[in-house]
Amino acid sequence: MGSVPDPGELTELAQPSFEEFQKQTSLMTSCTLLWQELSDHFTSLEQNLMKKSEALKQMIETLDNQTQTSLESLKRREVTIDHSVEIVAGKVGERARAALESLEKARDGGGEGANDDSGEVDDEEGLLSALKSLCLKMDARGFWNFVTARKKELENLRSKIPAALGDCVDPAMLVLEAISEVFPVDKREEKMSNDYGWACVVILESLTPVMVDPVIGKSRLLVTPSVEEKAKEIAETWKKSLEERGMVENVKTPDVHTFLQHLVTFGIVRSEDLALYRKLVVGSAWRKQMPKLAVSVGLGDQMPDMIEELISRGQQLDAVHFTYEVGLVDKFRPVPLLKAYLRDAKKSAASIMEDSSNTGRATHLVARKEQSALKAVLKCIEEYKLEEEFPPENLKKRLDQLEKTKTEKRKPAAVPANKRTRASYGPMPPAKAGRITNAYVSSFPFIRSPSHSPQYASPAAYPSPPTTVYSNRSPPYPYSPEIIPASYQGSPIGYPAYNGYCSGPVPAPAPPVYHPHHHQHHQFHHQHQQHYY
């Protein structure tokens, strides 16, 4: 029979096999987890590839549609050229005949509008008639003078000038000649006398609807090659003049507005100048028309970055206008921007108070700055219907409070005429002494000057407050810091030395004494009254 194995030997043989089993089990678990991770990873990659493939497919379809649309548009533009030219030629013929008739009537002295360009116009019809007469005659100088003399009728001009230019034989050339006095370079001798940027903008805006294609519309402007070349030369001249003006930072906003509107009106925007356009727009972003002009000159794709730049410059209000123009309200919420604008206005006002040495003027400037900020925000809330998100009641209350404070400061204090009031700390002085020395009836009842006591100084020793007599409850006008130092903190009975005239405690005042130098005091008071008023 075989020998029975030793139990100790069985234990030594079984132990290694169990450890090996545990290792295999752990390895299987790790492999399973790794396989699961790899499977999930490849599944995710497959899904991403499918999404990208679908996105590319949609992009290709979109590009195909855009290409087809562009081809159809180009074909339509090509087909309609002859018809558009025919329509424009007919209009030019009619305008030429009307211009000849107008000139003949003016020569014969029988034209109704012979004097419209120089005379006064009483109504809108007269305004339109005068403008048409000037446009028919191609009188660029008279047209310019007529428009610039009627800034108060700006809205009527906006509505009537396009109709008048529509009767012009060559409206584009008329406009270029009309604004040539101040654009691209101001040729006037007194350049600072009047700023006519508003007139240039109105005329250029009014020219745009006249130059659109009669068939296609705004997508094609009917600008002749000669006019386009002339417009490009003007734009280049304006850009060269930037060096003389101190570059973009020192150019006035009306000039910037005119330049950008000139580019849009004649369709001469250049992609290589987009960086310049952006600087100009950001520098004049507060102008109401800037967001639309920015899009028109090709800055639509850069709008998010431009809005971020405006916010970083503290121009949150301008940023709000830009966001609504390009539809980025969801990305740049208007209400937080408006609140940040108000906070910055308050910080700026606080800095004025800290830096200013004149507290009264600083307070006035701070109030004006806060009023301007509140009015701008309230107008923005009303324009974009933000009342639910940003209730304006508190802002209106604060604005009313500032307006009320401003009104109260403007009201003059009541000054009772010829009224003598007894001081609470002394007997009533004689009438003549009160008029001369003003010993006990002071402009400031809370202070007693050493001059009130003849024991320490005579009335003529140093200046005294004005001689106006009134109730001791309120001063009639602001006191002068030259007479009463701001550092004074004394009481009516005893106080520290005042301007070196008193070097110790002052005893109770003695009864007033008439001083012989009343004439000298009366003359001095008269000088001080002139200083106050």
Protein backbone atom coordinates (compact mmCIF):
# COMPACT_ATOMS: atom_id res chain seq x y z
CA MET A 1 0.00 0.00 0.00
CA GLY A 2 1.12 3.48 -0.61
CA SER A 3 2.24 5.66 2.19
CA VAL A 4 -0.20 8.31 3.48
CA PRO A 5 1.06 11.86 2.76
CA ASP A 6 1.94 14.07 5.63
CA PRO A 7 -0.77 16.70 6.41
CA GLY A 8 1.91 19.39 6.59
CA GLU A 9 2.95 18.66 3.06
CA LEU A 10 -0.70 18.98 1.82
CA THR A 11 -0.94 22.41 3.41
CA GLU A 12 2.24 23.59 1.71
CA LEU A 13 0.95 22.33 -1.69
CA ALA A 14 -2.56 23.85 -1.35
CA GLN A 15 -1.44 27.36 -0.25
CA PRO A 16 0.32 28.37 -3.50
CA SER A 17 -2.64 27.28 -5.64
CA PHE A 18 -5.10 29.53 -3.66
CA GLU A 19 -2.89 32.59 -4.05
CA GLU A 20 -2.65 31.90 -7.73
CA PHE A 21 -6.43 31.72 -7.91
CA GLN A 22 -6.75 35.12 -6.22
CA LYS A 23 -4.31 36.64 -8.67
CA GLN A 24 -6.21 35.23 -11.61
CA THR A 25 -9.47 36.54 -10.19
CA SER A 26 -8.01 40.04 -9.70
CA LEU A 27 -6.58 39.97 -13.21
CA MET A 28 -9.93 38.97 -14.67
CA THR A 29 -11.66 41.81 -12.81
CA SER A 30 -9.09 44.35 -14.06
CA CYS A 31 -9.43 43.10 -17.61
CA THR A 32 -13.19 43.36 -17.42
CA LEU A 33 -13.06 46.95 -16.14
CA LEU A 34 -10.48 47.92 -18.74
CA TRP A 35 -12.55 46.37 -21.48
CA GLN A 36 -15.60 48.28 -20.27
CA GLU A 37 -13.66 51.57 -20.27
CA LEU A 38 -12.31 50.94 -23.75
CA SER A 39 -15.74 49.99 -24.97
CA ASP A 40 -17.26 53.18 -23.53
CA HIS A 41 -14.42 55.24 -25.01
CA PHE A 42 -14.87 53.82 -28.49
CA THR A 43 -18.62 54.24 -28.21
CA SER A 44 -18.13 57.89 -27.29
CA LEU A 45 -15.72 58.38 -30.19
CA GLU A 46 -18.19 56.79 -32.54
CA GLN A 47 -20.99 59.03 -31.32
CA ASN A 48 -18.79 62.15 -31.66
CA LEU A 49 -17.80 61.14 -35.16
CA MET A 50 -21.44 60.64 -36.04
CA LYS A 51 -22.33 64.07 -34.65
CA LYS A 52 -19.47 65.73 -36.52
CA SER A 53 -20.42 63.90 -39.65
CA GLU A 54 -23.99 65.08 -39.27
CA ALA A 55 -22.81 68.64 -38.59
CA LEU A 56 -20.58 68.55 -41.66
CA LYS A 57 -23.45 67.21 -43.70
CA GLN A 58 -25.67 70.05 -42.54
CA MET A 59 -22.92 72.58 -43.24
CA ILE A 60 -22.48 71.18 -46.73
CA GLU A 61 -26.21 71.39 -47.30
CA THR A 62 -26.23 74.95 -45.97
CA LEU A 63 -23.32 75.92 -48.20
CA ASP A 64 -25.05 74.33 -51.16
CA ASN A 65 -28.19 76.29 -50.40
CA GLN A 66 -26.22 79.50 -49.95
CA THR A 67 -24.35 78.87 -53.15
CA GLN A 68 -27.58 78.22 -54.99
CA THR A 69 -29.12 81.33 -53.49
CA SER A 70 -26.06 83.39 -54.41
CA LEU A 71 -26.12 82.08 -57.96
CA GLU A 72 -29.80 82.88 -58.26
CA SER A 73 -29.17 86.34 -56.82
CA LEU A 74 -26.29 86.96 -59.22
CA LYS A 75 -28.41 85.77 -62.12
CA ARG A 76 -31.24 88.04 -61.01
CA ARG A 77 -28.86 90.96 -60.62
CA GLU A 78 -27.49 90.36 -64.08
CA VAL A 79 -30.92 90.04 -65.64
CA THR A 80 -32.28 93.14 -63.91
CA ILE A 81 -29.36 95.41 -64.78
CA ASP A 82 -30.85 96.49 -68.08
CA HIS A 83 -34.26 97.09 -66.53
CA SER A 84 -32.79 99.08 -63.61
CA VAL A 85 -30.67 101.18 -65.96
CA GLU A 86 -33.71 101.86 -68.11
CA ILE A 87 -35.71 103.02 -65.08
CA VAL A 88 -32.89 105.24 -63.84
CA ALA A 89 -32.31 106.69 -67.29
CA GLY A 90 -35.99 107.56 -67.52
CA LYS A 91 -35.84 109.28 -64.12
CA VAL A 92 -32.72 111.20 -65.15
CA GLY A 93 -34.50 112.38 -68.29
CA GLU A 94 -37.47 113.57 -66.28
CA ARG A 95 -35.21 115.34 -63.80
CA ALA A 96 -33.29 117.01 -66.62
CA ARG A 97 -36.48 118.32 -68.17
CA ALA A 98 -37.74 119.54 -64.80
CA ALA A 99 -34.40 121.26 -64.15
CA LEU A 100 -34.52 123.04 -67.50
CA GLU A 101 -38.08 124.20 -66.86
CA SER A 102 -37.10 125.44 -63.39
CA LEU A 103 -34.15 127.38 -64.82
CA GLU A 104 -36.30 128.91 -67.54
CA LYS A 105 -38.92 129.99 -65.01
CA ALA A 106 -36.24 131.45 -62.78
CA ARG A 107 -34.75 133.33 -65.75
CA ASP A 108 -38.14 134.73 -66.67
CA GLY A 109 -38.86 135.64 -63.04
CA GLY A 110 -42.08 133.66 -63.02
CA GLY A 111 -40.93 130.69 -61.00
CA GLU A 112 -42.74 130.15 -57.76
CA GLY A 113 -39.61 128.88 -56.12
CA ALA A 114 -37.32 131.57 -57.48
CA ASN A 115 -36.70 132.98 -54.03
CA ASP A 116 -37.25 129.84 -51.98
CA ASP A 117 -33.54 129.21 -51.56
CA SER A 118 -32.99 132.49 -49.78
CA GLY A 119 -36.36 133.33 -48.28
CA GLU A 120 -38.07 131.99 -45.21
CA VAL A 121 -40.30 128.92 -45.39
CA ASP A 122 -43.40 128.75 -43.28
CA ASP A 123 -44.45 125.12 -43.56
CA GLU A 124 -43.29 121.66 -44.63
CA GLU A 125 -44.52 122.15 -48.17
CA GLY A 126 -42.51 125.33 -48.48
CA LEU A 127 -39.46 123.54 -47.10
CA LEU A 128 -39.79 120.72 -49.63
CA SER A 129 -40.40 123.17 -52.48
CA ALA A 130 -37.27 125.16 -51.62
CA LEU A 131 -35.15 122.02 -51.37
CA LYS A 132 -36.43 120.69 -54.69
CA SER A 133 -35.71 123.99 -56.39
CA LEU A 134 -32.11 123.92 -55.18
CA CYS A 135 -31.66 120.27 -56.16
CA LEU A 136 -33.10 120.81 -59.65
CA LYS A 137 -30.63 123.64 -60.19
CA MET A 138 -27.77 121.50 -58.82
CA ASP A 139 -26.98 124.45 -56.55
CA ALA A 140 -24.68 122.66 -54.10
CA ARG A 141 -23.63 125.79 -52.23
CA GLY A 142 -27.19 127.06 -51.86
CA PHE A 143 -28.36 123.59 -50.80
CA TRP A 144 -25.66 123.43 -48.10
CA ASN A 145 -26.41 126.90 -46.77
CA PHE A 146 -30.15 126.18 -46.73
CA VAL A 147 -29.71 122.97 -44.70
CA THR A 148 -27.13 124.31 -42.22
CA ALA A 149 -29.31 127.32 -41.45
CA ARG A 150 -32.18 125.07 -40.28
CA LYS A 151 -30.78 122.86 -37.55
CA LYS A 152 -33.90 123.47 -35.49
CA GLU A 153 -35.95 121.81 -38.25
CA LEU A 154 -33.80 118.66 -38.22
CA GLU A 155 -36.64 116.13 -38.25
CA ASN A 156 -38.37 117.88 -41.16
CA LEU A 157 -35.07 117.94 -43.04
CA ARG A 158 -34.64 114.18 -42.53
CA SER A 159 -38.00 113.52 -44.16
CA LYS A 160 -37.83 116.11 -46.94
CA ILE A 161 -34.23 115.93 -48.20
CA PRO A 162 -34.57 112.39 -49.70
CA ALA A 163 -37.63 113.51 -51.67
CA ALA A 164 -35.79 116.59 -52.88
CA LEU A 165 -32.69 114.63 -53.88
CA GLY A 166 -34.96 112.26 -55.80
CA ASP A 167 -35.63 115.10 -58.25
CA CYS A 168 -31.95 115.89 -58.69
CA VAL A 169 -30.18 115.05 -61.97
CA ASP A 170 -27.04 113.81 -60.18
CA PRO A 171 -27.80 113.59 -56.44
CA ALA A 172 -24.52 111.90 -55.51
CA MET A 173 -22.38 114.63 -57.07
CA LEU A 174 -24.58 117.33 -55.53
CA VAL A 175 -24.06 115.83 -52.06
CA LEU A 176 -20.29 115.47 -52.49
CA GLU A 177 -20.00 119.08 -53.59
CA ALA A 178 -22.33 120.32 -50.83
CA ILE A 179 -20.38 118.78 -47.94
CA SER A 180 -16.95 119.48 -49.48
CA GLU A 181 -16.62 122.67 -47.41
CA VAL A 182 -16.14 120.68 -44.21
CA PHE A 183 -15.55 117.08 -45.37
CA PRO A 184 -13.08 115.43 -45.78
CA VAL A 185 -11.14 118.53 -44.59
CA ASP A 186 -12.61 121.67 -43.08
CA LYS A 187 -11.74 124.45 -45.53
CA ARG A 188 -13.25 127.29 -43.52
CA GLU A 189 -11.00 129.94 -42.04
CA GLU A 190 -12.81 129.85 -38.69
CA LYS A 191 -12.98 126.08 -38.24
CA MET A 192 -14.18 126.26 -34.63
CA SER A 193 -17.09 128.59 -35.29
CA ASN A 194 -19.73 125.96 -36.09
CA ASP A 195 -19.67 122.19 -36.19
CA TYR A 196 -21.58 121.03 -39.25
CA GLY A 197 -21.03 117.30 -38.77
CA TRP A 198 -24.76 116.87 -38.14
CA ALA A 199 -25.57 118.39 -41.54
CA CYS A 200 -23.11 116.08 -43.33
CA VAL A 201 -24.62 113.03 -41.64
CA VAL A 202 -28.21 114.05 -42.44
CA ILE A 203 -27.40 114.72 -46.09
CA LEU A 204 -25.45 111.46 -46.51
CA GLU A 205 -28.22 109.46 -44.81
CA SER A 206 -30.79 111.10 -47.06
CA LEU A 207 -28.80 110.14 -50.16
CA THR A 208 -28.87 106.40 -49.40
CA PRO A 209 -32.53 105.70 -50.34
CA VAL A 210 -32.09 107.72 -53.53
CA MET A 211 -29.21 105.55 -54.73
CA VAL A 212 -30.73 102.11 -54.14
CA ASP A 213 -31.59 99.92 -57.10
CA PRO A 214 -35.24 100.43 -58.15
CA VAL A 215 -35.69 96.68 -58.72
CA ILE A 216 -33.42 94.87 -56.24
CA GLY A 217 -33.31 97.46 -53.47
CA LYS A 218 -30.62 98.14 -50.89
CA SER A 219 -28.53 95.12 -51.84
CA ARG A 220 -27.31 97.07 -54.88
CA LEU A 221 -26.43 100.76 -54.91
CA LEU A 222 -26.53 102.62 -58.21
CA VAL A 223 -23.19 104.39 -57.90
CA THR A 224 -21.52 105.32 -61.15
CA PRO A 225 -17.80 104.52 -61.51
CA SER A 226 -16.84 108.20 -61.53
CA VAL A 227 -18.79 108.92 -58.32
CA GLU A 228 -17.39 105.80 -56.64
CA GLU A 229 -13.85 106.81 -57.51
CA LYS A 230 -14.46 110.32 -56.20
CA ALA A 231 -15.89 108.91 -52.95
CA LYS A 232 -12.85 106.66 -52.50
CA GLU A 233 -10.49 109.62 -52.96
CA ILE A 234 -12.42 111.54 -50.30
CA ALA A 235 -12.17 108.61 -47.88
CA GLU A 236 -8.42 108.30 -48.43
CA THR A 237 -7.97 112.04 -47.90
CA TRP A 238 -9.85 111.83 -44.60
CA LYS A 239 -7.70 108.92 -43.40
CA LYS A 240 -4.52 110.80 -44.26
CA SER A 241 -5.77 113.81 -42.28
CA LEU A 242 -5.83 111.66 -39.13
CA GLU A 243 -2.11 112.26 -38.63
CA GLU A 244 -2.64 116.02 -38.51
CA ARG A 245 -5.53 115.57 -36.05
CA GLY A 246 -3.49 113.46 -33.64
CA MET A 247 -4.70 110.03 -34.84
CA VAL A 248 -7.94 108.30 -33.90
CA GLU A 249 -7.94 109.30 -30.22
CA ASN A 250 -8.24 113.02 -30.99
CA VAL A 251 -10.80 112.93 -33.80
CA LYS A 252 -14.18 114.45 -33.00
CA THR A 253 -17.18 112.15 -32.97
CA PRO A 254 -19.13 114.12 -35.65
CA ASP A 255 -16.18 113.67 -38.02
CA VAL A 256 -16.06 109.94 -37.29
CA HIS A 257 -19.80 109.63 -37.85
CA THR A 258 -19.56 111.49 -41.16
CA PHE A 259 -16.69 109.30 -42.38
CA LEU A 260 -18.42 106.01 -41.54
CA GLN A 261 -21.71 107.18 -43.05
CA HIS A 262 -19.81 108.24 -46.18
CA LEU A 263 -18.44 104.68 -46.52
CA VAL A 264 -21.87 103.13 -46.09
CA THR A 265 -23.69 105.56 -48.39
CA PHE A 266 -21.34 105.00 -51.33
CA GLY A 267 -20.60 101.32 -50.60
CA ILE A 268 -16.82 101.74 -50.43
CA VAL A 269 -16.03 99.75 -47.26
CA ARG A 270 -12.61 98.08 -47.39
CA SER A 271 -11.91 94.86 -45.49
CA GLU A 272 -8.27 95.85 -44.94
CA ASP A 273 -9.42 98.90 -42.96
CA LEU A 274 -11.57 96.98 -40.46
CA ALA A 275 -9.06 97.60 -37.66
CA LEU A 276 -9.36 101.36 -38.24
CA TYR A 277 -13.15 101.14 -38.36
CA ARG A 278 -13.20 99.30 -35.06
CA LYS A 279 -11.08 101.93 -33.32
CA LEU A 280 -13.32 104.67 -34.66
CA VAL A 281 -16.51 102.93 -33.55
CA VAL A 282 -15.25 102.11 -30.05
CA GLY A 283 -13.96 105.66 -29.60
CA SER A 284 -17.39 107.10 -30.49
CA ALA A 285 -19.55 104.27 -29.17
CA TRP A 286 -21.87 106.64 -27.27
CA ARG A 287 -23.27 107.90 -30.58
CA LYS A 288 -26.72 106.41 -31.11
CA GLN A 289 -26.11 105.32 -34.72
CA MET A 290 -22.73 103.65 -34.05
CA PRO A 291 -24.02 100.07 -33.55
CA LYS A 292 -25.79 100.08 -36.94
CA LEU A 293 -22.82 101.70 -38.65
CA ALA A 294 -20.51 99.11 -37.10
CA VAL A 295 -22.55 96.31 -38.64
CA SER A 296 -22.79 98.14 -41.97
CA VAL A 297 -19.00 98.53 -42.28
CA GLY A 298 -18.44 94.81 -41.65
CA LEU A 299 -17.79 94.63 -37.91
CA GLY A 300 -20.68 92.28 -37.12
CA ASP A 301 -18.37 89.31 -36.45
CA GLN A 302 -16.27 91.38 -34.04
CA MET A 303 -19.21 92.63 -32.00
CA PRO A 304 -18.73 90.26 -28.99
CA ASP A 305 -15.11 91.41 -28.59
CA MET A 306 -16.11 95.04 -29.04
CA ILE A 307 -18.80 94.73 -26.38
CA GLU A 308 -16.27 93.19 -23.99
CA GLU A 309 -13.94 96.10 -24.71
CA LEU A 310 -16.67 98.64 -24.00
CA ILE A 311 -17.47 96.92 -20.69
CA SER A 312 -13.81 96.92 -19.69
CA ARG A 313 -13.65 100.66 -20.47
CA GLY A 314 -16.58 101.37 -18.16
CA GLN A 315 -19.02 102.05 -21.04
CA GLN A 316 -21.67 99.56 -19.96
CA LEU A 317 -24.49 101.76 -21.24
CA ASP A 318 -23.01 101.80 -24.74
CA ALA A 319 -22.49 98.04 -24.50
CA VAL A 320 -26.22 97.58 -23.86
CA HIS A 321 -27.09 99.44 -27.07
CA PHE A 322 -24.65 97.30 -29.02
CA THR A 323 -26.02 94.04 -27.60
CA TYR A 324 -29.56 94.88 -28.69
CA GLU A 325 -28.42 95.89 -32.15
CA VAL A 326 -26.68 92.57 -32.89
CA GLY A 327 -28.90 90.26 -30.84
CA LEU A 328 -26.43 89.34 -28.08
CA VAL A 329 -28.75 90.08 -25.18
CA ASP A 330 -28.61 86.48 -23.92
CA LYS A 331 -24.82 86.58 -23.72
CA PHE A 332 -24.56 90.09 -22.26
CA ARG A 333 -27.49 90.62 -19.90
CA PRO A 334 -28.51 94.29 -19.91
CA VAL A 335 -29.68 94.65 -16.30
CA PRO A 336 -26.35 93.67 -14.67
CA LEU A 337 -24.59 96.02 -17.08
CA LEU A 338 -26.87 98.92 -16.13
CA LYS A 339 -26.36 98.26 -12.43
CA ALA A 340 -22.60 98.11 -12.93
CA TYR A 341 -22.83 101.44 -14.79
CA LEU A 342 -24.56 103.04 -11.80
CA ARG A 343 -21.99 101.59 -9.40
CA ASP A 344 -19.14 102.98 -11.47
CA ALA A 345 -20.85 106.38 -11.56
CA LYS A 346 -21.05 106.39 -7.75
CA LYS A 347 -17.37 105.42 -7.46
CA SER A 348 -16.42 108.20 -9.83
CA ALA A 349 -18.50 110.65 -7.80
CA ALA A 350 -16.79 109.52 -4.59
CA SER A 351 -13.37 110.07 -6.16
CA ILE A 352 -14.41 113.63 -7.07
CA MET A 353 -15.30 114.31 -3.45
CA GLU A 354 -11.99 112.91 -2.24
CA ASP A 355 -9.81 114.78 -4.72
CA SER A 356 -11.58 118.13 -4.71
CA SER A 357 -10.52 120.89 -2.35
CA ASN A 358 -13.72 122.85 -2.97
CA THR A 359 -16.42 120.86 -1.20
CA GLY A 360 -19.29 122.97 -2.49
CA ARG A 361 -18.32 122.65 -6.14
CA ALA A 362 -17.51 118.96 -5.71
CA THR A 363 -20.96 118.31 -4.28
CA HIS A 364 -22.52 120.08 -7.27
CA LEU A 365 -20.47 118.02 -9.73
CA VAL A 366 -21.31 114.78 -7.94
CA ALA A 367 -25.03 115.55 -8.03
CA ARG A 368 -24.88 116.38 -11.73
CA LYS A 369 -22.97 113.21 -12.51
CA GLU A 370 -25.42 111.05 -10.59
CA GLN A 371 -28.37 112.79 -12.25
CA SER A 372 -26.93 112.13 -15.71
CA ALA A 373 -26.32 108.47 -14.92
CA LEU A 374 -29.84 108.00 -13.54
CA LYS A 375 -31.46 109.69 -16.53
CA ALA A 376 -29.45 107.59 -18.98
CA VAL A 377 -30.34 104.33 -17.23
CA LEU A 378 -34.03 105.27 -16.96
CA LYS A 379 -34.12 106.07 -20.67
CA CYS A 380 -32.46 102.73 -21.46
CA ILE A 381 -34.97 100.85 -19.29
CA GLU A 382 -37.85 102.56 -21.07
CA GLU A 383 -36.39 102.05 -24.55
CA TYR A 384 -35.80 98.31 -24.16
CA LYS A 385 -38.81 97.54 -21.91
CA LEU A 386 -36.77 96.37 -18.90
CA GLU A 387 -39.24 97.47 -16.23
CA GLU A 388 -39.92 93.93 -14.99
CA GLU A 389 -36.24 93.02 -14.63
CA PHE A 390 -35.15 96.41 -13.36
CA PRO A 391 -38.01 98.34 -11.68
CA PRO A 392 -37.30 102.06 -12.15
CA GLU A 393 -39.26 103.35 -9.12
CA ASN A 394 -36.25 103.65 -6.80
CA LEU A 395 -34.21 105.33 -9.50
CA LYS A 396 -36.98 107.86 -10.13
CA LYS A 397 -37.27 108.59 -6.41
CA ARG A 398 -33.54 109.21 -6.17
CA LEU A 399 -33.65 111.45 -9.25
CA ASP A 400 -36.57 113.44 -7.81
CA GLN A 401 -34.65 113.81 -4.56
CA LEU A 402 -31.62 115.20 -6.39
CA GLU A 403 -33.80 117.56 -8.42
CA LYS A 404 -35.54 118.77 -5.27
CA THR A 405 -32.24 119.38 -3.51
CA LYS A 406 -30.95 121.29 -6.52
CA THR A 407 -34.09 123.43 -6.61
CA GLU A 408 -33.90 124.20 -2.89
CA LYS A 409 -30.29 125.32 -3.20
CA ARG A 410 -31.27 127.73 -5.93
CA LYS A 411 -33.97 129.40 -3.82
CA PRO A 412 -32.68 132.57 -2.09
CA ALA A 413 -33.03 132.70 1.67
CA ALA A 414 -35.69 135.04 3.04
CA VAL A 415 -34.19 138.25 4.40
CA PRO A 416 -36.58 140.39 6.46
CA ALA A 417 -36.03 143.98 5.47
CA ASN A 418 -35.18 146.61 8.10
CA LYS A 419 -35.79 144.26 11.01
CA ARG A 420 -33.69 144.47 14.17
CA THR A 421 -33.51 141.39 16.32
CA ARG A 422 -32.24 141.34 19.86
CA ALA A 423 -29.44 138.87 20.48
CA SER A 424 -30.09 136.25 23.11
CA TYR A 425 -26.97 137.12 25.02
CA GLY A 426 -26.89 140.89 25.28
CA PRO A 427 -28.97 144.05 25.52
CA MET A 428 -30.34 145.73 22.44
CA PRO A 429 -27.74 148.23 21.16
CA PRO A 430 -28.65 151.65 19.85
CA ALA A 431 -29.87 151.70 16.27
CA LYS A 432 -26.98 153.76 15.01
CA ALA A 433 -24.40 151.62 16.76
CA GLY A 434 -25.97 148.49 15.32
CA ARG A 435 -25.72 149.86 11.84
CA ILE A 436 -22.13 150.91 12.26
CA THR A 437 -20.39 148.32 14.39
CA ASN A 438 -22.73 145.36 13.96
CA ALA A 439 -21.60 144.38 17.44
CA TYR A 440 -24.42 142.17 18.59
CA VAL A 441 -26.52 141.52 15.48
CA SER A 442 -24.22 139.23 13.56
CA SER A 443 -24.74 137.38 10.33
CA PHE A 444 -23.89 134.24 12.26
CA PRO A 445 -25.62 134.10 15.65
CA PHE A 446 -23.64 131.05 16.74
CA ILE A 447 -20.35 132.97 16.85
CA ARG A 448 -19.18 136.03 18.73
CA SER A 449 -16.16 137.81 17.38
CA PRO A 450 -13.66 139.50 19.73
CA SER A 451 -14.56 142.77 18.07
CA HIS A 452 -17.87 142.64 19.89
CA SER A 453 -16.12 143.69 23.07
CA PRO A 454 -14.40 147.06 23.07
CA GLN A 455 -12.21 145.87 25.93
CA TYR A 456 -10.12 143.74 23.61
CA ALA A 457 -10.30 145.33 20.19
CA SER A 458 -11.86 148.24 18.47
CA PRO A 459 -14.41 147.68 15.74
CA ALA A 460 -12.05 149.07 13.16
CA ALA A 461 -9.19 146.77 14.10
CA TYR A 462 -10.14 143.98 11.72
CA PRO A 463 -12.96 143.12 9.30
CA SER A 464 -16.37 142.28 10.60
CA PRO A 465 -19.22 140.42 8.92
CA PRO A 466 -21.62 142.28 6.64
CA THR A 467 -23.95 144.79 8.21
CA THR A 468 -27.18 143.24 7.01
CA VAL A 469 -29.60 142.88 9.95
CA TYR A 470 -31.99 139.94 10.05
CA SER A 471 -33.38 137.23 12.29
CA ASN A 472 -30.86 135.09 14.14
CA ARG A 473 -32.56 131.86 13.10
CA SER A 474 -31.02 131.50 9.64
CA PRO A 475 -28.34 133.40 7.71
CA PRO A 476 -29.53 135.23 4.59
CA TYR A 477 -26.66 134.08 2.36
CA PRO A 478 -23.65 131.76 2.53
CA TYR A 479 -20.89 133.03 4.69
CA SER A 480 -17.43 133.65 3.42
CA PRO A 481 -14.64 131.35 4.65
CA GLU A 482 -12.35 134.35 4.67
CA ILE A 483 -14.36 135.87 7.51
CA ILE A 484 -15.11 132.76 9.55
CA PRO A 485 -12.47 130.03 9.50
CA ALA A 486 -13.74 126.46 9.16
CA SER A 487 -11.64 125.40 12.13
CA TYR A 488 -13.66 127.46 14.58
CA GLN A 489 -15.34 125.30 17.24
CA GLY A 490 -15.98 127.77 20.02
CA SER A 491 -19.11 128.68 21.88
CA PRO A 492 -20.81 132.07 22.12
CA ILE A 493 -19.26 132.73 25.55
CA GLY A 494 -15.69 131.45 25.47
CA TYR A 495 -13.55 130.11 22.60
CA PRO A 496 -9.88 129.72 21.56
CA ALA A 497 -7.87 132.46 19.96
CA TYR A 498 -9.36 133.68 16.72
CA ASN A 499 -6.88 134.73 14.01
CA GLY A 500 -4.44 135.80 16.66
CA TYR A 501 -6.66 138.60 17.91
CA CYS A 502 -7.36 136.98 21.26
CA SER A 503 -4.94 134.92 23.32
CA GLY A 504 -7.06 133.72 26.18
CA PRO A 505 -10.56 133.17 27.56
CA VAL A 506 -12.89 135.97 26.82
CA PRO A 507 -15.04 137.25 29.66
CA ALA A 508 -18.69 138.09 29.32
CA PRO A 509 -19.17 140.92 26.83
CA ALA A 510 -19.61 144.43 28.04
CA PRO A 511 -22.47 146.60 26.85
CA PRO A 512 -21.87 147.98 23.38
CA VAL A 513 -20.22 151.35 23.05
CA TYR A 514 -20.64 153.68 20.17
CA HIS A 515 -17.29 154.00 18.39
CA PRO A 516 -16.30 157.19 16.63
CA HIS A 517 -14.85 155.38 13.64
CA HIS A 518 -18.24 154.51 12.28
CA HIS A 519 -17.61 156.02 8.88
CA GLN A 520 -14.58 153.80 8.32
CA HIS A 521 -16.57 150.71 9.36
CA HIS A 522 -19.48 151.60 7.13
CA GLN A 523 -17.17 151.86 4.13
CA PHE A 524 -15.56 148.50 4.95
CA HIS A 525 -18.94 146.78 5.24
CA HIS A 526 -19.91 148.14 1.86
CA GLN A 527 -16.82 146.52 0.34
CA HIS A 528 -17.66 143.19 1.94
CA GLN A 529 -21.19 143.33 0.62
CA GLN A 530 -19.75 143.69 -2.88
CA HIS A 531 -17.61 140.60 -2.24
CA TYR A 532 -20.67 138.57 -1.27
CA TYR A 533 -22.77 139.54 -4.25
